[in-house]
mmCIF file of all heavy atoms, coordinates in Angstrom:
data_MODEL
# 
_entry.id   MODEL 
# 
loop_
_atom_site.group_PDB 
_atom_site.id 
_atom_site.type_symbol 
_atom_site.label_atom_id 
_atom_site.label_alt_id 
_atom_site.label_comp_id 
_atom_site.label_asym_id 
_atom_site.label_entity_id 
_atom_site.label_seq_id 
_atom_site.pdbx_PDB_ins_code 
_atom_site.Cartn_x 
_atom_site.Cartn_y 
_atom_site.Cartn_z 
_atom_site.occupancy 
_atom_site.B_iso_or_equiv 
_atom_site.pdbx_formal_charge 
_atom_site.auth_seq_id 
_atom_site.auth_comp_id 
_atom_site.auth_asym_id 
_atom_site.auth_atom_id 
_atom_site.pdbx_PDB_model_num 
ATOM 1   N N   . ILE A 1 1  ? 104.736 149.727 105.115 1.00 0.00 ? 1  ILE A N   1 
ATOM 2   C CA  . ILE A 1 1  ? 106.164 149.756 104.780 1.00 0.00 ? 1  ILE A CA  1 
ATOM 3   C C   . ILE A 1 1  ? 106.658 151.175 105.011 1.00 0.00 ? 1  ILE A C   1 
ATOM 4   O O   . ILE A 1 1  ? 106.544 152.027 104.139 1.00 0.00 ? 1  ILE A O   1 
ATOM 5   C CB  . ILE A 1 1  ? 106.433 149.348 103.321 1.00 0.00 ? 1  ILE A CB  1 
ATOM 6   C CG1 . ILE A 1 1  ? 105.729 148.029 102.966 1.00 0.00 ? 1  ILE A CG1 1 
ATOM 7   C CG2 . ILE A 1 1  ? 107.932 149.229 103.063 1.00 0.00 ? 1  ILE A CG2 1 
ATOM 8   C CD1 . ILE A 1 1  ? 105.853 147.670 101.498 1.00 0.00 ? 1  ILE A CD1 1 
ATOM 9   N N   . PRO A 1 2  ? 107.215 151.488 106.187 1.00 0.00 ? 2  PRO A N   1 
ATOM 10  C CA  . PRO A 1 2  ? 107.713 152.853 106.440 1.00 0.00 ? 2  PRO A CA  1 
ATOM 11  C C   . PRO A 1 2  ? 108.855 153.219 105.512 1.00 0.00 ? 2  PRO A C   1 
ATOM 12  O O   . PRO A 1 2  ? 109.478 152.355 104.892 1.00 0.00 ? 2  PRO A O   1 
ATOM 13  C CB  . PRO A 1 2  ? 108.189 152.780 107.898 1.00 0.00 ? 2  PRO A CB  1 
ATOM 14  C CG  . PRO A 1 2  ? 107.481 151.602 108.491 1.00 0.00 ? 2  PRO A CG  1 
ATOM 15  C CD  . PRO A 1 2  ? 107.318 150.627 107.359 1.00 0.00 ? 2  PRO A CD  1 
ATOM 16  N N   . ASN A 1 3  ? 109.128 154.520 105.406 1.00 0.00 ? 3  ASN A N   1 
ATOM 17  C CA  . ASN A 1 3  ? 110.233 154.997 104.583 1.00 0.00 ? 3  ASN A CA  1 
ATOM 18  C C   . ASN A 1 3  ? 111.534 154.330 104.992 1.00 0.00 ? 3  ASN A C   1 
ATOM 19  O O   . ASN A 1 3  ? 111.790 154.081 106.156 1.00 0.00 ? 3  ASN A O   1 
ATOM 20  C CB  . ASN A 1 3  ? 110.388 156.517 104.729 1.00 0.00 ? 3  ASN A CB  1 
ATOM 21  C CG  . ASN A 1 3  ? 109.181 157.268 104.225 1.00 0.00 ? 3  ASN A CG  1 
ATOM 22  O OD1 . ASN A 1 3  ? 108.154 157.287 104.887 1.00 0.00 ? 3  ASN A OD1 1 
ATOM 23  N ND2 . ASN A 1 3  ? 109.302 157.892 103.075 1.00 0.00 ? 3  ASN A ND2 1 
ATOM 24  N N   . GLY A 1 4  ? 112.381 154.043 103.999 1.00 0.00 ? 4  GLY A N   1 
ATOM 25  C CA  . GLY A 1 4  ? 113.710 153.519 104.252 1.00 0.00 ? 4  GLY A CA  1 
ATOM 26  C C   . GLY A 1 4  ? 113.800 152.019 104.408 1.00 0.00 ? 4  GLY A C   1 
ATOM 27  O O   . GLY A 1 4  ? 114.878 151.484 104.637 1.00 0.00 ? 4  GLY A O   1 
ATOM 28  N N   . GLN A 1 5  ? 112.684 151.288 104.264 1.00 0.00 ? 5  GLN A N   1 
ATOM 29  C CA  . GLN A 1 5  ? 112.709 149.853 104.513 1.00 0.00 ? 5  GLN A CA  1 
ATOM 30  C C   . GLN A 1 5  ? 112.457 149.012 103.266 1.00 0.00 ? 5  GLN A C   1 
ATOM 31  O O   . GLN A 1 5  ? 112.377 147.790 103.348 1.00 0.00 ? 5  GLN A O   1 
ATOM 32  C CB  . GLN A 1 5  ? 111.699 149.497 105.609 1.00 0.00 ? 5  GLN A CB  1 
ATOM 33  C CG  . GLN A 1 5  ? 112.040 150.119 106.954 1.00 0.00 ? 5  GLN A CG  1 
ATOM 34  C CD  . GLN A 1 5  ? 111.141 149.630 108.075 1.00 0.00 ? 5  GLN A CD  1 
ATOM 35  O OE1 . GLN A 1 5  ? 110.385 148.683 107.907 1.00 0.00 ? 5  GLN A OE1 1 
ATOM 36  N NE2 . GLN A 1 5  ? 111.231 150.269 109.222 1.00 0.00 ? 5  GLN A NE2 1 
ATOM 37  N N   . ASN A 1 6  ? 112.317 149.630 102.087 1.00 0.00 ? 6  ASN A N   1 
ATOM 38  C CA  . ASN A 1 6  ? 112.067 148.848 100.876 1.00 0.00 ? 6  ASN A CA  1 
ATOM 39  C C   . ASN A 1 6  ? 112.585 149.629 99.670  1.00 0.00 ? 6  ASN A C   1 
ATOM 40  O O   . ASN A 1 6  ? 111.862 150.397 99.058  1.00 0.00 ? 6  ASN A O   1 
ATOM 41  C CB  . ASN A 1 6  ? 110.568 148.569 100.732 1.00 0.00 ? 6  ASN A CB  1 
ATOM 42  C CG  . ASN A 1 6  ? 110.288 147.475 99.722  1.00 0.00 ? 6  ASN A CG  1 
ATOM 43  O OD1 . ASN A 1 6  ? 111.137 146.632 99.451  1.00 0.00 ? 6  ASN A OD1 1 
ATOM 44  N ND2 . ASN A 1 6  ? 109.097 147.476 99.167  1.00 0.00 ? 6  ASN A ND2 1 
ATOM 45  N N   . THR A 1 7  ? 113.872 149.463 99.328  1.00 0.00 ? 7  THR A N   1 
ATOM 46  C CA  . THR A 1 7  ? 114.489 150.213 98.241  1.00 0.00 ? 7  THR A CA  1 
ATOM 47  C C   . THR A 1 7  ? 115.058 149.282 97.183  1.00 0.00 ? 7  THR A C   1 
ATOM 48  O O   . THR A 1 7  ? 115.401 148.129 97.445  1.00 0.00 ? 7  THR A O   1 
ATOM 49  C CB  . THR A 1 7  ? 115.618 151.122 98.764  1.00 0.00 ? 7  THR A CB  1 
ATOM 50  O OG1 . THR A 1 7  ? 116.621 150.314 99.399  1.00 0.00 ? 7  THR A OG1 1 
ATOM 51  C CG2 . THR A 1 7  ? 115.087 152.135 99.758  1.00 0.00 ? 7  THR A CG2 1 
ATOM 52  N N   . PHE A 1 8  ? 115.157 149.807 95.945  1.00 0.00 ? 8  PHE A N   1 
ATOM 53  C CA  . PHE A 1 8  ? 115.693 149.078 94.801  1.00 0.00 ? 8  PHE A CA  1 
ATOM 54  C C   . PHE A 1 8  ? 116.665 149.993 94.066  1.00 0.00 ? 8  PHE A C   1 
ATOM 55  O O   . PHE A 1 8  ? 116.540 151.216 94.121  1.00 0.00 ? 8  PHE A O   1 
ATOM 56  C CB  . PHE A 1 8  ? 114.571 148.664 93.838  1.00 0.00 ? 8  PHE A CB  1 
ATOM 57  C CG  . PHE A 1 8  ? 113.372 148.048 94.501  1.00 0.00 ? 8  PHE A CG  1 
ATOM 58  C CD1 . PHE A 1 8  ? 112.330 148.844 94.966  1.00 0.00 ? 8  PHE A CD1 1 
ATOM 59  C CD2 . PHE A 1 8  ? 113.291 146.678 94.679  1.00 0.00 ? 8  PHE A CD2 1 
ATOM 60  C CE1 . PHE A 1 8  ? 111.220 148.285 95.576  1.00 0.00 ? 8  PHE A CE1 1 
ATOM 61  C CE2 . PHE A 1 8  ? 112.187 146.103 95.291  1.00 0.00 ? 8  PHE A CE2 1 
ATOM 62  C CZ  . PHE A 1 8  ? 111.152 146.911 95.738  1.00 0.00 ? 8  PHE A CZ  1 
ATOM 63  N N   . THR A 1 9  ? 117.630 149.422 93.369  1.00 0.00 ? 9  THR A N   1 
ATOM 64  C CA  . THR A 1 9  ? 118.534 150.201 92.520  1.00 0.00 ? 9  THR A CA  1 
ATOM 65  C C   . THR A 1 9  ? 118.442 149.702 91.089  1.00 0.00 ? 9  THR A C   1 
ATOM 66  O O   . THR A 1 9  ? 118.197 148.519 90.832  1.00 0.00 ? 9  THR A O   1 
ATOM 67  C CB  . THR A 1 9  ? 119.993 150.102 93.002  1.00 0.00 ? 9  THR A CB  1 
ATOM 68  O OG1 . THR A 1 9  ? 120.407 148.722 92.991  1.00 0.00 ? 9  THR A OG1 1 
ATOM 69  C CG2 . THR A 1 9  ? 120.136 150.669 94.396  1.00 0.00 ? 9  THR A CG2 1 
ATOM 70  N N   . THR A 1 10 ? 118.649 150.627 90.145  1.00 0.00 ? 10 THR A N   1 
ATOM 71  C CA  . THR A 1 10 ? 118.616 150.269 88.734  1.00 0.00 ? 10 THR A CA  1 
ATOM 72  C C   . THR A 1 10 ? 119.536 151.203 87.964  1.00 0.00 ? 10 THR A C   1 
ATOM 73  O O   . THR A 1 10 ? 119.686 152.373 88.325  1.00 0.00 ? 10 THR A O   1 
ATOM 74  C CB  . THR A 1 10 ? 117.184 150.358 88.168  1.00 0.00 ? 10 THR A CB  1 
ATOM 75  O OG1 . THR A 1 10 ? 117.211 150.069 86.760  1.00 0.00 ? 10 THR A OG1 1 
ATOM 76  C CG2 . THR A 1 10 ? 116.570 151.730 88.379  1.00 0.00 ? 10 THR A CG2 1 
ATOM 77  N N   . ASN A 1 11 ? 120.173 150.701 86.913  1.00 0.00 ? 11 ASN A N   1 
ATOM 78  C CA  . ASN A 1 11 ? 121.023 151.545 86.068  1.00 0.00 ? 11 ASN A CA  1 
ATOM 79  C C   . ASN A 1 11 ? 120.308 151.970 84.797  1.00 0.00 ? 11 ASN A C   1 
ATOM 80  O O   . ASN A 1 11 ? 120.927 152.477 83.864  1.00 0.00 ? 11 ASN A O   1 
ATOM 81  C CB  . ASN A 1 11 ? 122.339 150.834 85.733  1.00 0.00 ? 11 ASN A CB  1 
ATOM 82  C CG  . ASN A 1 11 ? 122.119 149.501 85.028  1.00 0.00 ? 11 ASN A CG  1 
ATOM 83  O OD1 . ASN A 1 11 ? 120.987 149.137 84.704  1.00 0.00 ? 11 ASN A OD1 1 
ATOM 84  N ND2 . ASN A 1 11 ? 123.194 148.771 84.789  1.00 0.00 ? 11 ASN A ND2 1 
ATOM 85  N N   . SER A 1 12 ? 118.991 151.764 84.740  1.00 0.00 ? 12 SER A N   1 
ATOM 86  C CA  . SER A 1 12 ? 118.190 152.247 83.619  1.00 0.00 ? 12 SER A CA  1 
ATOM 87  C C   . SER A 1 12 ? 117.146 153.218 84.149  1.00 0.00 ? 12 SER A C   1 
ATOM 88  O O   . SER A 1 12 ? 117.033 153.437 85.363  1.00 0.00 ? 12 SER A O   1 
ATOM 89  C CB  . SER A 1 12 ? 117.502 151.081 82.900  1.00 0.00 ? 12 SER A CB  1 
ATOM 90  O OG  . SER A 1 12 ? 116.490 150.517 83.706  1.00 0.00 ? 12 SER A OG  1 
ATOM 91  N N   . ASN A 1 13 ? 116.371 153.805 83.258  1.00 0.00 ? 13 ASN A N   1 
ATOM 92  C CA  . ASN A 1 13 ? 115.357 154.775 83.677  1.00 0.00 ? 13 ASN A CA  1 
ATOM 93  C C   . ASN A 1 13 ? 113.971 154.138 83.766  1.00 0.00 ? 13 ASN A C   1 
ATOM 94  O O   . ASN A 1 13 ? 112.953 154.797 83.528  1.00 0.00 ? 13 ASN A O   1 
ATOM 95  C CB  . ASN A 1 13 ? 115.338 155.977 82.740  1.00 0.00 ? 13 ASN A CB  1 
ATOM 96  C CG  . ASN A 1 13 ? 114.993 155.592 81.319  1.00 0.00 ? 13 ASN A CG  1 
ATOM 97  O OD1 . ASN A 1 13 ? 115.231 154.455 80.900  1.00 0.00 ? 13 ASN A OD1 1 
ATOM 98  N ND2 . ASN A 1 13 ? 114.434 156.534 80.578  1.00 0.00 ? 13 ASN A ND2 1 
ATOM 99  N N   . SER A 1 14 ? 113.924 152.849 84.121  1.00 0.00 ? 14 SER A N   1 
ATOM 100 C CA  . SER A 1 14 ? 112.660 152.169 84.341  1.00 0.00 ? 14 SER A CA  1 
ATOM 101 C C   . SER A 1 14 ? 112.880 150.983 85.265  1.00 0.00 ? 14 SER A C   1 
ATOM 102 O O   . SER A 1 14 ? 114.001 150.487 85.416  1.00 0.00 ? 14 SER A O   1 
ATOM 103 C CB  . SER A 1 14 ? 112.052 151.687 83.016  1.00 0.00 ? 14 SER A CB  1 
ATOM 104 O OG  . SER A 1 14 ? 112.883 150.695 82.421  1.00 0.00 ? 14 SER A OG  1 
ATOM 105 N N   . ILE A 1 15 ? 111.796 150.522 85.886  1.00 0.00 ? 15 ILE A N   1 
ATOM 106 C CA  . ILE A 1 15 ? 111.883 149.372 86.780  1.00 0.00 ? 15 ILE A CA  1 
ATOM 107 C C   . ILE A 1 15 ? 110.499 148.753 86.935  1.00 0.00 ? 15 ILE A C   1 
ATOM 108 O O   . ILE A 1 15 ? 109.485 149.455 86.899  1.00 0.00 ? 15 ILE A O   1 
ATOM 109 C CB  . ILE A 1 15 ? 112.446 149.781 88.159  1.00 0.00 ? 15 ILE A CB  1 
ATOM 110 C CG1 . ILE A 1 15 ? 112.771 148.554 89.004  1.00 0.00 ? 15 ILE A CG1 1 
ATOM 111 C CG2 . ILE A 1 15 ? 111.495 150.717 88.882  1.00 0.00 ? 15 ILE A CG2 1 
ATOM 112 C CD1 . ILE A 1 15 ? 113.535 148.878 90.280  1.00 0.00 ? 15 ILE A CD1 1 
ATOM 113 N N   . ASP A 1 16 ? 110.464 147.428 87.056  1.00 0.00 ? 16 ASP A N   1 
ATOM 114 C CA  . ASP A 1 16 ? 109.227 146.707 87.363  1.00 0.00 ? 16 ASP A CA  1 
ATOM 115 C C   . ASP A 1 16 ? 109.201 146.387 88.849  1.00 0.00 ? 16 ASP A C   1 
ATOM 116 O O   . ASP A 1 16 ? 110.135 145.756 89.373  1.00 0.00 ? 16 ASP A O   1 
ATOM 117 C CB  . ASP A 1 16 ? 109.140 145.411 86.549  1.00 0.00 ? 16 ASP A CB  1 
ATOM 118 C CG  . ASP A 1 16 ? 108.937 145.671 85.071  1.00 0.00 ? 16 ASP A CG  1 
ATOM 119 O OD1 . ASP A 1 16 ? 108.004 146.426 84.734  1.00 0.00 ? 16 ASP A OD1 1 
ATOM 120 O OD2 . ASP A 1 16 ? 109.711 145.125 84.263  1.00 0.00 ? 16 ASP A OD2 1 
ATOM 121 N N   . ILE A 1 17 ? 108.139 146.808 89.539  1.00 0.00 ? 17 ILE A N   1 
ATOM 122 C CA  . ILE A 1 17 ? 107.970 146.551 90.957  1.00 0.00 ? 17 ILE A CA  1 
ATOM 123 C C   . ILE A 1 17 ? 106.941 145.437 91.122  1.00 0.00 ? 17 ILE A C   1 
ATOM 124 O O   . ILE A 1 17 ? 105.827 145.534 90.601  1.00 0.00 ? 17 ILE A O   1 
ATOM 125 C CB  . ILE A 1 17 ? 107.497 147.803 91.720  1.00 0.00 ? 17 ILE A CB  1 
ATOM 126 C CG1 . ILE A 1 17 ? 108.457 148.967 91.464  1.00 0.00 ? 17 ILE A CG1 1 
ATOM 127 C CG2 . ILE A 1 17 ? 107.374 147.514 93.199  1.00 0.00 ? 17 ILE A CG2 1 
ATOM 128 C CD1 . ILE A 1 17 ? 109.847 148.769 92.006  1.00 0.00 ? 17 ILE A CD1 1 
ATOM 129 N N   . THR A 1 18 ? 107.311 144.366 91.823  1.00 0.00 ? 18 THR A N   1 
ATOM 130 C CA  . THR A 1 18 ? 106.411 143.240 92.025  1.00 0.00 ? 18 THR A CA  1 
ATOM 131 C C   . THR A 1 18 ? 106.198 143.007 93.520  1.00 0.00 ? 18 THR A C   1 
ATOM 132 O O   . THR A 1 18 ? 106.829 143.647 94.361  1.00 0.00 ? 18 THR A O   1 
ATOM 133 C CB  . THR A 1 18 ? 106.980 141.965 91.378  1.00 0.00 ? 18 THR A CB  1 
ATOM 134 O OG1 . THR A 1 18 ? 108.259 141.665 91.965  1.00 0.00 ? 18 THR A OG1 1 
ATOM 135 C CG2 . THR A 1 18 ? 107.149 142.154 89.879  1.00 0.00 ? 18 THR A CG2 1 
ATOM 136 N N   . GLY A 1 19 ? 105.309 142.083 93.844  1.00 0.00 ? 19 GLY A N   1 
ATOM 137 C CA  . GLY A 1 19 ? 105.047 141.738 95.234  1.00 0.00 ? 19 GLY A CA  1 
ATOM 138 C C   . GLY A 1 19 ? 104.173 142.726 95.974  1.00 0.00 ? 19 GLY A C   1 
ATOM 139 O O   . GLY A 1 19 ? 104.169 142.753 97.209  1.00 0.00 ? 19 GLY A O   1 
ATOM 140 N N   . LEU A 1 20 ? 103.425 143.571 95.256  1.00 0.00 ? 20 LEU A N   1 
ATOM 141 C CA  . LEU A 1 20 ? 102.525 144.525 95.887  1.00 0.00 ? 20 LEU A CA  1 
ATOM 142 C C   . LEU A 1 20 ? 101.249 143.832 96.358  1.00 0.00 ? 20 LEU A C   1 
ATOM 143 O O   . LEU A 1 20 ? 100.879 142.775 95.841  1.00 0.00 ? 20 LEU A O   1 
ATOM 144 C CB  . LEU A 1 20 ? 102.180 145.644 94.906  1.00 0.00 ? 20 LEU A CB  1 
ATOM 145 C CG  . LEU A 1 20 ? 103.365 146.413 94.303  1.00 0.00 ? 20 LEU A CG  1 
ATOM 146 C CD1 . LEU A 1 20 ? 102.864 147.449 93.305  1.00 0.00 ? 20 LEU A CD1 1 
ATOM 147 C CD2 . LEU A 1 20 ? 104.204 147.063 95.395  1.00 0.00 ? 20 LEU A CD2 1 
ATOM 148 N N   . ASN A 1 21 ? 100.590 144.436 97.331  1.00 0.00 ? 21 ASN A N   1 
ATOM 149 C CA  . ASN A 1 21 ? 99.342  143.886 97.859  1.00 0.00 ? 21 ASN A CA  1 
ATOM 150 C C   . ASN A 1 21 ? 98.142  144.591 97.236  1.00 0.00 ? 21 ASN A C   1 
ATOM 151 O O   . ASN A 1 21 ? 98.141  145.826 97.116  1.00 0.00 ? 21 ASN A O   1 
ATOM 152 C CB  . ASN A 1 21 ? 99.279  144.042 99.375  1.00 0.00 ? 21 ASN A CB  1 
ATOM 153 C CG  . ASN A 1 21 ? 100.349 143.250 100.081 1.00 0.00 ? 21 ASN A CG  1 
ATOM 154 O OD1 . ASN A 1 21 ? 100.662 142.126 99.692  1.00 0.00 ? 21 ASN A OD1 1 
ATOM 155 N ND2 . ASN A 1 21 ? 100.914 143.828 101.126 1.00 0.00 ? 21 ASN A ND2 1 
ATOM 156 N N   . PRO A 1 22 ? 97.115  143.855 96.840  1.00 0.00 ? 22 PRO A N   1 
ATOM 157 C CA  . PRO A 1 22 ? 95.896  144.501 96.314  1.00 0.00 ? 22 PRO A CA  1 
ATOM 158 C C   . PRO A 1 22 ? 95.265  145.423 97.347  1.00 0.00 ? 22 PRO A C   1 
ATOM 159 O O   . PRO A 1 22 ? 95.366  145.183 98.558  1.00 0.00 ? 22 PRO A O   1 
ATOM 160 C CB  . PRO A 1 22 ? 94.980  143.306 96.002  1.00 0.00 ? 22 PRO A CB  1 
ATOM 161 C CG  . PRO A 1 22 ? 95.891  142.124 95.894  1.00 0.00 ? 22 PRO A CG  1 
ATOM 162 C CD  . PRO A 1 22 ? 97.028  142.394 96.834  1.00 0.00 ? 22 PRO A CD  1 
ATOM 163 N N   . TYR A 1 23 ? 94.645  146.505 96.881  1.00 0.00 ? 23 TYR A N   1 
ATOM 164 C CA  . TYR A 1 23 ? 93.887  147.438 97.709  1.00 0.00 ? 23 TYR A CA  1 
ATOM 165 C C   . TYR A 1 23 ? 94.754  148.162 98.748  1.00 0.00 ? 23 TYR A C   1 
ATOM 166 O O   . TYR A 1 23 ? 94.257  148.621 99.773  1.00 0.00 ? 23 TYR A O   1 
ATOM 167 C CB  . TYR A 1 23 ? 92.725  146.723 98.412  1.00 0.00 ? 23 TYR A CB  1 
ATOM 168 C CG  . TYR A 1 23 ? 91.840  145.977 97.463  1.00 0.00 ? 23 TYR A CG  1 
ATOM 169 C CD1 . TYR A 1 23 ? 91.892  144.587 97.396  1.00 0.00 ? 23 TYR A CD1 1 
ATOM 170 C CD2 . TYR A 1 23 ? 90.965  146.658 96.622  1.00 0.00 ? 23 TYR A CD2 1 
ATOM 171 C CE1 . TYR A 1 23 ? 91.098  143.889 96.503  1.00 0.00 ? 23 TYR A CE1 1 
ATOM 172 C CE2 . TYR A 1 23 ? 90.150  145.975 95.726  1.00 0.00 ? 23 TYR A CE2 1 
ATOM 173 C CZ  . TYR A 1 23 ? 90.224  144.581 95.665  1.00 0.00 ? 23 TYR A CZ  1 
ATOM 174 O OH  . TYR A 1 23 ? 89.438  143.892 94.786  1.00 0.00 ? 23 TYR A OH  1 
ATOM 175 N N   . GLU A 1 24 ? 96.041  148.289 98.464  1.00 0.00 ? 24 GLU A N   1 
ATOM 176 C CA  . GLU A 1 24 ? 96.931  149.027 99.352  1.00 0.00 ? 24 GLU A CA  1 
ATOM 177 C C   . GLU A 1 24 ? 97.522  150.209 98.599  1.00 0.00 ? 24 GLU A C   1 
ATOM 178 O O   . GLU A 1 24 ? 97.885  150.096 97.425  1.00 0.00 ? 24 GLU A O   1 
ATOM 179 C CB  . GLU A 1 24 ? 98.053  148.119 99.865  1.00 0.00 ? 24 GLU A CB  1 
ATOM 180 C CG  . GLU A 1 24 ? 98.926  148.784 100.920 1.00 0.00 ? 24 GLU A CG  1 
ATOM 181 C CD  . GLU A 1 24 ? 99.784  147.777 101.677 1.00 0.00 ? 24 GLU A CD  1 
ATOM 182 O OE1 . GLU A 1 24 ? 99.505  146.561 101.582 1.00 0.00 ? 24 GLU A OE1 1 
ATOM 183 O OE2 . GLU A 1 24 ? 100.726 148.214 102.360 1.00 0.00 ? 24 GLU A OE2 1 
ATOM 184 N N   . ASN A 1 25 ? 97.601  151.377 99.255  1.00 0.00 ? 25 ASN A N   1 
ATOM 185 C CA  . ASN A 1 25 ? 98.164  152.578 98.637  1.00 0.00 ? 25 ASN A CA  1 
ATOM 186 C C   . ASN A 1 25 ? 99.684  152.566 98.754  1.00 0.00 ? 25 ASN A C   1 
ATOM 187 O O   . ASN A 1 25 ? 100.221 152.336 99.839  1.00 0.00 ? 25 ASN A O   1 
ATOM 188 C CB  . ASN A 1 25 ? 97.617  153.839 99.306  1.00 0.00 ? 25 ASN A CB  1 
ATOM 189 C CG  . ASN A 1 25 ? 96.123  153.986 99.117  1.00 0.00 ? 25 ASN A CG  1 
ATOM 190 O OD1 . ASN A 1 25 ? 95.543  153.415 98.210  1.00 0.00 ? 25 ASN A OD1 1 
ATOM 191 N ND2 . ASN A 1 25 ? 95.497  154.755 99.995  1.00 0.00 ? 25 ASN A ND2 1 
ATOM 192 N N   . TYR A 1 26 ? 100.381 152.856 97.650  1.00 0.00 ? 26 TYR A N   1 
ATOM 193 C CA  . TYR A 1 26 ? 101.840 152.866 97.633  1.00 0.00 ? 26 TYR A CA  1 
ATOM 194 C C   . TYR A 1 26 ? 102.355 154.214 97.144  1.00 0.00 ? 26 TYR A C   1 
ATOM 195 O O   . TYR A 1 26 ? 101.742 154.851 96.285  1.00 0.00 ? 26 TYR A O   1 
ATOM 196 C CB  . TYR A 1 26 ? 102.383 151.771 96.703  1.00 0.00 ? 26 TYR A CB  1 
ATOM 197 C CG  . TYR A 1 26 ? 102.191 150.369 97.216  1.00 0.00 ? 26 TYR A CG  1 
ATOM 198 C CD1 . TYR A 1 26 ? 101.039 149.652 96.873  1.00 0.00 ? 26 TYR A CD1 1 
ATOM 199 C CD2 . TYR A 1 26 ? 103.135 149.772 98.033  1.00 0.00 ? 26 TYR A CD2 1 
ATOM 200 C CE1 . TYR A 1 26 ? 100.857 148.364 97.347  1.00 0.00 ? 26 TYR A CE1 1 
ATOM 201 C CE2 . TYR A 1 26 ? 102.956 148.487 98.507  1.00 0.00 ? 26 TYR A CE2 1 
ATOM 202 C CZ  . TYR A 1 26 ? 101.815 147.786 98.160  1.00 0.00 ? 26 TYR A CZ  1 
ATOM 203 O OH  . TYR A 1 26 ? 101.622 146.509 98.634  1.00 0.00 ? 26 TYR A OH  1 
ATOM 204 N N   . THR A 1 27 ? 103.490 154.616 97.700  1.00 0.00 ? 27 THR A N   1 
ATOM 205 C CA  . THR A 1 27 ? 104.214 155.792 97.229  1.00 0.00 ? 27 THR A CA  1 
ATOM 206 C C   . THR A 1 27 ? 105.584 155.352 96.755  1.00 0.00 ? 27 THR A C   1 
ATOM 207 O O   . THR A 1 27 ? 106.285 154.624 97.452  1.00 0.00 ? 27 THR A O   1 
ATOM 208 C CB  . THR A 1 27 ? 104.379 156.844 98.344  1.00 0.00 ? 27 THR A CB  1 
ATOM 209 O OG1 . THR A 1 27 ? 103.096 157.297 98.759  1.00 0.00 ? 27 THR A OG1 1 
ATOM 210 C CG2 . THR A 1 27 ? 105.195 158.028 97.843  1.00 0.00 ? 27 THR A CG2 1 
ATOM 211 N N   . PHE A 1 28 ? 105.966 155.785 95.544  1.00 0.00 ? 28 PHE A N   1 
ATOM 212 C CA  . PHE A 1 28 ? 107.292 155.475 95.001  1.00 0.00 ? 28 PHE A CA  1 
ATOM 213 C C   . PHE A 1 28 ? 108.085 156.775 94.844  1.00 0.00 ? 28 PHE A C   1 
ATOM 214 O O   . PHE A 1 28 ? 107.602 157.728 94.239  1.00 0.00 ? 28 PHE A O   1 
ATOM 215 C CB  . PHE A 1 28 ? 107.193 154.792 93.643  1.00 0.00 ? 28 PHE A CB  1 
ATOM 216 C CG  . PHE A 1 28 ? 106.578 153.418 93.707  1.00 0.00 ? 28 PHE A CG  1 
ATOM 217 C CD1 . PHE A 1 28 ? 105.239 153.243 93.434  1.00 0.00 ? 28 PHE A CD1 1 
ATOM 218 C CD2 . PHE A 1 28 ? 107.344 152.313 94.035  1.00 0.00 ? 28 PHE A CD2 1 
ATOM 219 C CE1 . PHE A 1 28 ? 104.663 151.986 93.496  1.00 0.00 ? 28 PHE A CE1 1 
ATOM 220 C CE2 . PHE A 1 28 ? 106.784 151.054 94.098  1.00 0.00 ? 28 PHE A CE2 1 
ATOM 221 C CZ  . PHE A 1 28 ? 105.436 150.891 93.830  1.00 0.00 ? 28 PHE A CZ  1 
# 
């Protein structure tokens, strides 16, 4: 998932991220 292709917005200071793949490195 290159930069700029998977973004979310929230009006609070927390968020739940789902749909991740096991054994894959992610940067948020």
